[in-house]
């Protein structure tokens, strides 16, 4: 039996009548760009996260860029973020003209090493972009304390953390704003690209809405040169349906992660969940000494895997001009060769988990301490 890494087909079948009706409603009303379905989803998602405002945009990368531009970041500014994250985090920074400054990851939870942030601050530092990686929030209250001390903006990258919590409070509610991706494979995924920024700042909302609509304040007045990034009616309608099921799917992910952890904790390094965190397991990432060999054997057994991410950002070709050395970010550098993501989603069955566990146990080698 092949175990799907992500099973969007099963998910669709489980909510098919709701989805089909939602899409038919958009077609019937011709509400393709903006309109009531986009507005409804923005209101619903803001309420779910616990923010006053939500701006739907074309994708998660645009959300990051628009948020940072809206906060005034630009050439000459430095922005601190995690060394181990998807390149979109850095693209959002450099897209404004600002420079990206990396900090290594914590060796236990893989999020940004908060105790290293202050050493990276210079007179040019203007913001911090903490990433809630794999679905587990970073120590965001500590990040906020550092930001307040130094007068810095905070943009939470919550692209993998829909519904995650830190000390009982939703990730995405700490910083000046937070950015989400609704890429189809996300915990809350659209049927195409979509993203959002959430905030309590009315002026920031106005700037982002204008910037993402060609700098338009109304149908005639362009107050700035902007770009085009708006959530469409189909994606918003789909997301409204899925949002109603997100908590159930999240609990299923958490249960799957617990079953994986029990079955694998003695053969590989499994994710550690911080006592203060609600980890929503967008990804279930383990560490092994023989990653490539393990992936090959699992693929032959019908178990697809992923790598998130094959290279830490300081070492990808796009940033080689920065000249970073392995010893600068030792955890991110080492872990990039050990990490492997196992199948996890809201429709994963116990039988499927047990197949994965059995195959991993046959082939995994524990990395050295």
Protein backbone atom coordinates (compact mmCIF):
# COMPACT_ATOMS: atom_id res chain seq x y z
CA UNK A 1 0.00 0.00 0.00
CA UNK A 2 1.39 3.39 -0.98
CA UNK A 3 1.20 6.03 1.74
CA UNK A 4 0.51 9.53 0.34
CA UNK A 5 2.74 12.31 1.64
CA UNK A 6 -0.24 14.68 1.42
CA UNK A 7 -3.70 13.38 0.52
CA UNK A 8 -5.67 16.27 -0.94
CA UNK A 9 -7.95 13.93 -2.83
CA UNK A 10 -9.19 12.21 0.34
CA UNK A 11 -9.59 15.58 2.00
CA UNK A 12 -11.71 16.85 -0.89
CA UNK A 13 -13.90 13.75 -0.89
CA UNK A 14 -14.58 14.20 2.83
CA UNK A 15 -16.01 17.71 2.30
CA UNK A 16 -17.05 17.49 -1.36
CA UNK A 17 -20.63 18.79 -1.04
CA UNK A 18 -19.49 21.86 0.88
CA UNK A 19 -16.67 22.62 -1.55
CA UNK A 20 -18.78 22.09 -4.64
CA UNK A 21 -21.50 24.38 -3.31
CA UNK A 22 -18.96 27.06 -2.37
CA UNK A 23 -17.45 27.05 -5.86
CA UNK A 24 -20.91 27.12 -7.45
CA UNK A 25 -21.77 30.15 -5.32
CA UNK A 26 -18.74 32.05 -6.59
CA UNK A 27 -19.59 31.16 -10.17
CA UNK A 28 -23.21 32.16 -9.70
CA UNK A 29 -22.27 35.54 -8.25
CA UNK A 30 -19.26 36.09 -10.58
CA UNK A 31 -17.34 37.19 -7.47
CA UNK A 32 -13.94 36.34 -8.90
CA UNK A 33 -11.72 39.12 -7.53
CA UNK A 34 -12.50 40.60 -4.14
CA UNK A 35 -16.20 40.58 -3.31
CA UNK A 36 -18.17 39.02 -0.51
CA UNK A 37 -16.41 35.65 -0.41
CA UNK A 38 -12.99 37.24 -0.01
CA UNK A 39 -14.37 39.59 2.63
CA UNK A 40 -16.06 36.75 4.51
CA UNK A 41 -12.92 34.65 4.63
CA UNK A 42 -10.82 37.58 5.79
CA UNK A 43 -13.24 38.21 8.64
CA UNK A 44 -13.40 34.52 9.58
CA UNK A 45 -9.64 33.99 9.50
CA UNK A 46 -8.94 37.13 11.52
CA UNK A 47 -11.38 35.88 14.16
CA UNK A 48 -9.82 32.41 14.16
CA UNK A 49 -6.30 33.77 14.66
CA UNK A 50 -7.41 36.44 17.11
CA UNK A 51 -6.52 39.55 15.13
CA UNK A 52 -8.68 42.52 14.19
CA UNK A 53 -7.75 42.57 10.50
CA UNK A 54 -6.88 40.16 7.72
CA UNK A 55 -5.77 41.06 4.19
CA UNK A 56 -6.03 38.26 1.63
CA UNK A 57 -3.25 38.27 -0.97
CA UNK A 58 -2.07 36.10 -3.83
CA UNK A 59 0.37 33.88 -1.90
CA UNK A 60 2.46 33.64 1.24
CA UNK A 61 5.55 35.20 -0.33
CA UNK A 62 3.58 38.28 -1.34
CA UNK A 63 2.20 38.44 2.21
CA UNK A 64 5.72 38.66 3.62
CA UNK A 65 6.87 41.26 1.11
CA UNK A 66 3.75 43.41 1.44
CA UNK A 67 3.92 43.31 5.24
CA UNK A 68 7.57 44.34 5.32
CA UNK A 69 7.09 47.07 2.74
CA UNK A 70 4.09 48.30 4.70
CA UNK A 71 6.23 48.59 7.81
CA UNK A 72 8.68 50.78 5.92
CA UNK A 73 11.59 48.38 5.42
CA UNK A 74 13.87 49.19 2.52
CA UNK A 75 17.42 49.69 1.26
CA UNK A 76 20.01 50.10 4.00
CA UNK A 77 17.92 48.22 6.56
CA UNK A 78 18.85 44.86 8.04
CA UNK A 79 16.28 42.22 8.98
CA UNK A 80 17.07 39.20 11.15
CA UNK A 81 15.57 35.80 10.44
CA UNK A 82 16.24 32.08 10.87
CA UNK A 83 18.92 30.26 8.89
CA UNK A 84 16.68 27.22 8.37
CA UNK A 85 13.48 28.23 6.63
CA UNK A 86 12.02 28.29 3.14
CA UNK A 87 13.55 30.87 0.81
CA UNK A 88 10.29 32.86 0.71
CA UNK A 89 11.12 34.26 4.15
CA UNK A 90 14.33 35.80 2.82
CA UNK A 91 12.71 36.82 -0.46
CA UNK A 92 10.20 38.90 1.44
CA UNK A 93 13.07 40.76 3.09
CA UNK A 94 15.27 41.30 0.06
CA UNK A 95 12.27 42.19 -2.09
CA UNK A 96 12.00 45.45 -0.14
CA UNK A 97 15.68 46.19 -0.76
CA UNK A 98 16.62 45.36 2.83
CA UNK A 99 19.45 42.95 3.71
CA UNK A 100 18.83 39.57 5.31
CA UNK A 101 20.80 38.62 8.43
CA UNK A 102 20.66 34.99 9.53
CA UNK A 103 20.66 33.46 13.01
CA UNK A 104 21.24 29.73 13.64
CA UNK A 105 18.46 27.43 14.79
CA UNK A 106 17.92 25.96 18.21
CA UNK A 107 19.22 22.34 18.24
CA UNK A 108 16.17 20.90 19.98
CA UNK A 109 13.12 22.60 18.46
CA UNK A 110 14.70 23.83 15.16
CA UNK A 111 13.28 27.35 15.47
CA UNK A 112 15.42 30.47 15.60
CA UNK A 113 17.95 30.45 18.45
CA UNK A 114 16.55 33.38 20.41
CA UNK A 115 19.66 33.66 22.57
CA UNK A 116 21.67 34.54 19.45
CA UNK A 117 19.43 37.30 18.13
CA UNK A 118 20.87 40.22 20.10
CA UNK A 119 24.40 39.46 18.87
CA UNK A 120 23.13 39.91 15.29
CA UNK A 121 21.62 43.35 15.94
CA UNK A 122 23.43 46.37 14.47
CA UNK A 123 22.51 50.05 14.14
CA UNK A 124 20.95 49.13 10.78
CA UNK A 125 18.67 46.43 12.16
CA UNK A 126 15.03 47.37 11.77
CA UNK A 127 13.05 44.13 12.17
CA UNK A 128 13.00 40.47 13.13
CA UNK A 129 11.15 37.81 11.15
CA UNK A 130 10.79 34.78 13.44
CA UNK A 131 9.57 31.63 11.70
CA UNK A 132 7.21 29.17 13.38
CA UNK A 133 8.88 26.28 11.61
CA UNK A 134 7.18 22.96 10.79
CA UNK A 135 4.11 24.05 12.81
CA UNK A 136 5.76 24.71 16.19
CA UNK A 137 5.92 28.31 17.41
CA UNK A 138 9.27 29.74 18.35
CA UNK A 139 9.73 31.41 21.76
CA UNK A 140 7.90 34.40 20.38
CA UNK A 141 7.43 36.17 23.72
CA UNK A 142 11.22 36.26 24.09
CA UNK A 143 11.58 37.58 20.54
CA UNK A 144 9.08 40.32 21.36
CA UNK A 145 11.03 41.30 24.47
CA UNK A 146 14.20 41.71 22.41
CA UNK A 147 12.33 43.68 19.76
CA UNK A 148 10.84 46.03 22.34
CA UNK A 149 14.24 46.56 23.97
CA UNK A 150 15.81 47.57 20.64
CA UNK A 151 12.83 49.28 18.99
CA UNK A 152 12.42 46.68 16.23
CA UNK A 153 9.42 45.57 14.19
CA UNK A 154 8.36 41.91 14.31
CA UNK A 155 6.79 40.11 11.35
CA UNK A 156 5.79 36.55 12.26
CA UNK A 157 6.25 34.03 9.45
CA UNK A 158 3.37 31.72 10.30
CA UNK A 159 3.14 30.06 6.88
CA UNK A 160 3.36 26.62 8.51
CA UNK A 161 1.61 27.40 11.78
CA UNK A 162 -2.14 27.80 11.24
CA UNK A 163 -3.66 27.24 14.69
CA UNK A 164 -0.35 26.84 16.51
CA UNK A 165 -0.12 28.36 19.99
CA UNK A 166 2.53 29.65 22.38
CA UNK A 167 1.66 29.74 26.08
CA UNK A 168 -2.02 29.45 25.21
CA UNK A 169 -2.02 32.34 22.75
CA UNK A 170 -2.25 31.93 18.99
CA UNK A 171 0.92 32.23 16.98
CA UNK A 172 0.39 35.19 14.69
CA UNK A 173 -0.93 37.47 17.45
CA UNK A 174 2.36 38.65 18.95
CA UNK A 175 4.16 40.73 16.31
CA UNK A 176 3.21 43.85 14.40
CA UNK A 177 1.68 41.42 11.93
CA UNK A 178 1.86 37.81 10.82
CA UNK A 179 1.98 36.24 7.38
CA UNK A 180 0.29 33.05 6.22
CA UNK A 181 0.49 30.85 3.16
CA UNK A 182 -2.50 28.86 1.94
CA UNK A 183 -0.55 26.78 -0.56
CA UNK A 184 -2.60 23.59 -1.17
CA UNK A 185 -0.39 21.38 1.01
CA UNK A 186 -0.58 23.66 4.05
CA UNK A 187 -2.67 22.74 7.10
CA UNK A 188 -5.19 25.24 5.76
CA UNK A 189 -4.70 25.05 2.02
CA UNK A 190 -6.46 26.60 -0.96
CA UNK A 191 -6.94 25.02 -4.40
CA UNK A 192 -4.20 27.21 -5.80
CA UNK A 193 -1.99 29.97 -4.44
CA UNK A 194 -3.24 32.29 -1.71
CA UNK A 195 -1.93 34.02 1.37
CA UNK A 196 -2.81 36.57 4.03
CA UNK A 197 -1.45 39.14 6.46
CA UNK A 198 -3.13 39.54 9.85
CA UNK A 199 -2.66 42.57 12.08
CA UNK A 200 -4.37 44.92 14.52
CA UNK A 201 -2.85 47.99 12.83
CA UNK A 202 -5.42 49.88 10.72
CA UNK A 203 -2.78 51.96 8.94
CA UNK A 204 -0.78 48.87 8.04
CA UNK A 205 -3.90 47.18 6.69
CA UNK A 206 -4.66 50.21 4.52
CA UNK A 207 -1.11 50.31 3.17
CA UNK A 208 -1.04 46.60 2.34
CA UNK A 209 -4.44 46.67 0.64
CA UNK A 210 -3.37 49.62 -1.47
CA UNK A 211 0.08 48.24 -2.23
CA UNK A 212 -1.37 44.90 -3.35
CA UNK A 213 -3.90 46.62 -5.60
CA UNK A 214 -1.53 48.66 -7.78
CA UNK A 215 -1.18 51.35 -5.13
CA UNK A 216 -4.84 52.21 -5.53
CA UNK A 217 -6.80 53.96 -2.80
CA UNK A 218 -9.98 54.03 -4.88
CA UNK A 219 -10.82 53.29 -8.49
CA UNK A 220 -9.14 56.48 -9.73
CA UNK A 221 -6.41 57.45 -7.28
CA UNK A 222 -3.02 55.68 -7.18
CA UNK A 223 -1.15 57.00 -4.18
CA UNK A 224 1.91 54.83 -4.74
CA UNK A 225 3.36 52.40 -7.23
CA UNK A 226 2.16 49.02 -6.05
CA UNK A 227 1.76 45.54 -7.46
CA UNK A 228 -1.03 43.05 -8.01
CA UNK A 229 -1.64 40.42 -5.36
CA UNK A 230 -5.21 39.75 -4.33
CA UNK A 231 -6.95 36.64 -3.08
CA UNK A 232 -9.58 35.47 -5.56
CA UNK A 233 -13.13 34.47 -4.79
CA UNK A 234 -12.64 30.77 -5.48
CA UNK A 235 -9.71 30.45 -3.10
CA UNK A 236 -11.47 32.47 -0.42
CA UNK A 237 -14.62 30.34 -0.67
CA UNK A 238 -12.61 27.11 -0.46
CA UNK A 239 -10.69 28.42 2.53
CA UNK A 240 -13.89 29.40 4.33
CA UNK A 241 -15.13 25.83 4.00
CA UNK A 242 -11.84 24.32 5.09
CA UNK A 243 -11.48 26.67 8.05
CA UNK A 244 -14.54 25.04 9.59
CA UNK A 245 -12.69 21.71 9.58
CA UNK A 246 -9.21 22.93 10.50
CA UNK A 247 -9.36 22.13 14.20
CA UNK A 248 -10.42 18.52 13.56
CA UNK A 249 -7.65 18.09 10.99
CA UNK A 250 -5.16 19.65 13.41
CA UNK A 251 -6.07 17.24 16.18
CA UNK A 252 -5.66 14.37 13.71
CA UNK A 253 -2.16 15.62 12.84
CA UNK A 254 -1.24 15.87 16.52
CA UNK A 255 -2.48 12.31 17.12
CA UNK A 256 -0.53 11.04 14.11
CA UNK A 257 2.61 12.75 15.39
CA UNK A 258 2.23 11.08 18.78
CA UNK A 259 1.90 7.66 17.12
CA UNK A 260 4.97 8.32 14.98
CA UNK A 261 6.94 9.50 18.01
CA UNK A 262 6.18 6.39 20.04
CA UNK A 263 7.13 4.14 17.16
CA UNK A 264 10.33 5.90 16.12
CA UNK A 265 11.90 7.55 19.16
CA UNK A 266 14.52 4.84 19.59
CA UNK A 267 15.70 4.70 15.95
CA UNK A 268 15.89 8.37 14.94
CA UNK A 269 15.64 11.83 16.45
CA UNK A 270 11.95 12.68 16.51
CA UNK A 271 10.42 16.16 16.94
CA UNK A 272 10.42 17.52 20.46
CA UNK A 273 7.35 19.53 21.42
CA UNK A 274 8.04 22.47 23.72
CA UNK A 275 5.99 22.43 26.91
CA UNK A 276 4.65 25.90 26.08
CA UNK A 277 3.72 25.11 22.48
CA UNK A 278 0.82 23.71 20.56
CA UNK A 279 2.66 22.11 17.64
CA UNK A 280 0.28 21.67 14.69
CA UNK A 281 2.67 19.45 12.68
CA UNK A 282 2.56 20.92 9.24
CA UNK A 283 5.56 18.63 8.83
CA UNK A 284 6.83 15.68 10.84
CA UNK A 285 10.61 15.99 10.51
CA UNK A 286 13.01 13.40 11.91
CA UNK A 287 16.79 13.31 11.85
CA UNK A 288 18.81 10.29 10.74
CA UNK A 289 22.45 9.57 9.93
CA UNK A 290 21.64 7.97 6.56
CA UNK A 291 19.06 10.32 5.09
CA UNK A 292 19.56 9.62 1.36
CA UNK A 293 19.72 5.86 1.83
CA UNK A 294 16.61 5.94 4.01
CA UNK A 295 14.66 7.97 1.47
CA UNK A 296 15.58 5.54 -1.31
CA UNK A 297 14.47 2.53 0.71
CA UNK A 298 11.24 4.20 1.76
CA UNK A 299 10.43 5.22 -1.81
CA UNK A 300 10.86 1.62 -2.94
CA UNK A 301 8.47 0.57 -0.17
CA UNK A 302 5.81 3.06 -1.32
CA UNK A 303 6.51 5.70 1.31
CA UNK A 304 7.30 9.16 -0.16
CA UNK A 305 9.36 11.59 1.89
CA UNK A 306 10.49 15.20 1.66
CA UNK A 307 13.41 17.38 2.74
CA UNK A 308 12.59 20.68 4.41
CA UNK A 309 15.07 22.02 3.54
CA UNK A 310 17.90 20.50 1.48
CA UNK A 311 20.15 23.47 2.18
CA UNK A 312 19.96 26.03 4.93
CA UNK A 313 19.46 29.49 3.43
CA UNK A 314 22.96 30.85 4.10
CA UNK A 315 24.32 28.07 1.87
CA UNK A 316 21.95 28.14 -1.10
CA UNK A 317 23.35 29.47 -4.37
CA UNK A 318 21.10 32.53 -4.25
CA UNK A 319 22.98 33.80 -1.17
CA UNK A 320 26.48 32.54 -1.81
CA UNK A 321 27.61 36.13 -2.36
CA UNK A 322 27.17 36.64 1.40
CA UNK A 323 30.08 34.24 1.92
CA UNK A 324 28.72 32.39 4.93
CA UNK A 325 30.83 29.56 6.40
CA UNK A 326 29.57 26.30 7.97
CA UNK A 327 30.83 27.30 11.41
CA UNK A 328 28.61 30.39 11.46
CA UNK A 329 25.40 28.34 11.66
CA UNK A 330 26.54 24.89 12.84
CA UNK A 331 23.11 23.49 13.66
CA UNK A 332 21.50 24.57 10.42
CA UNK A 333 24.53 23.33 8.47
CA UNK A 334 24.62 19.90 10.11
CA UNK A 335 20.91 19.27 10.18
CA UNK A 336 20.44 19.99 6.47
CA UNK A 337 22.01 16.60 5.76
CA UNK A 338 20.06 14.71 8.45
CA UNK A 339 16.47 15.93 8.21
CA UNK A 340 13.74 14.01 6.42
CA UNK A 341 9.99 14.71 6.44
CA UNK A 342 7.59 11.78 6.77
CA UNK A 343 3.99 11.71 5.49
CA UNK A 344 1.56 13.59 7.71
CA UNK A 345 -1.90 15.04 7.08
CA UNK A 346 -5.37 15.06 8.55
CA UNK A 347 -6.50 11.93 6.72
CA UNK A 348 -3.53 9.72 7.61
CA UNK A 349 -4.73 6.42 9.07
CA UNK A 350 -3.18 4.39 11.87
CA UNK A 351 -2.46 1.60 9.40
CA UNK A 352 -0.59 4.02 7.14
CA UNK A 353 1.40 5.37 10.06
CA UNK A 354 2.31 1.85 11.12
CA UNK A 355 3.58 1.07 7.61
CA UNK A 356 5.82 4.13 7.70
CA UNK A 357 7.06 3.27 11.18
CA UNK A 358 7.85 -0.28 10.13
CA UNK A 359 9.82 0.82 7.10
CA UNK A 360 11.72 3.55 8.94
CA UNK A 361 12.65 1.12 11.70
CA UNK A 362 14.12 -1.24 9.12
CA UNK A 363 16.47 1.32 7.61
CA UNK A 364 17.05 4.36 9.85
CA UNK A 365 20.33 4.99 11.60
CA UNK A 366 20.46 7.25 14.64
CA UNK A 367 22.74 10.28 14.15
CA UNK A 368 25.56 10.91 16.58
CA UNK A 369 24.85 13.22 19.50
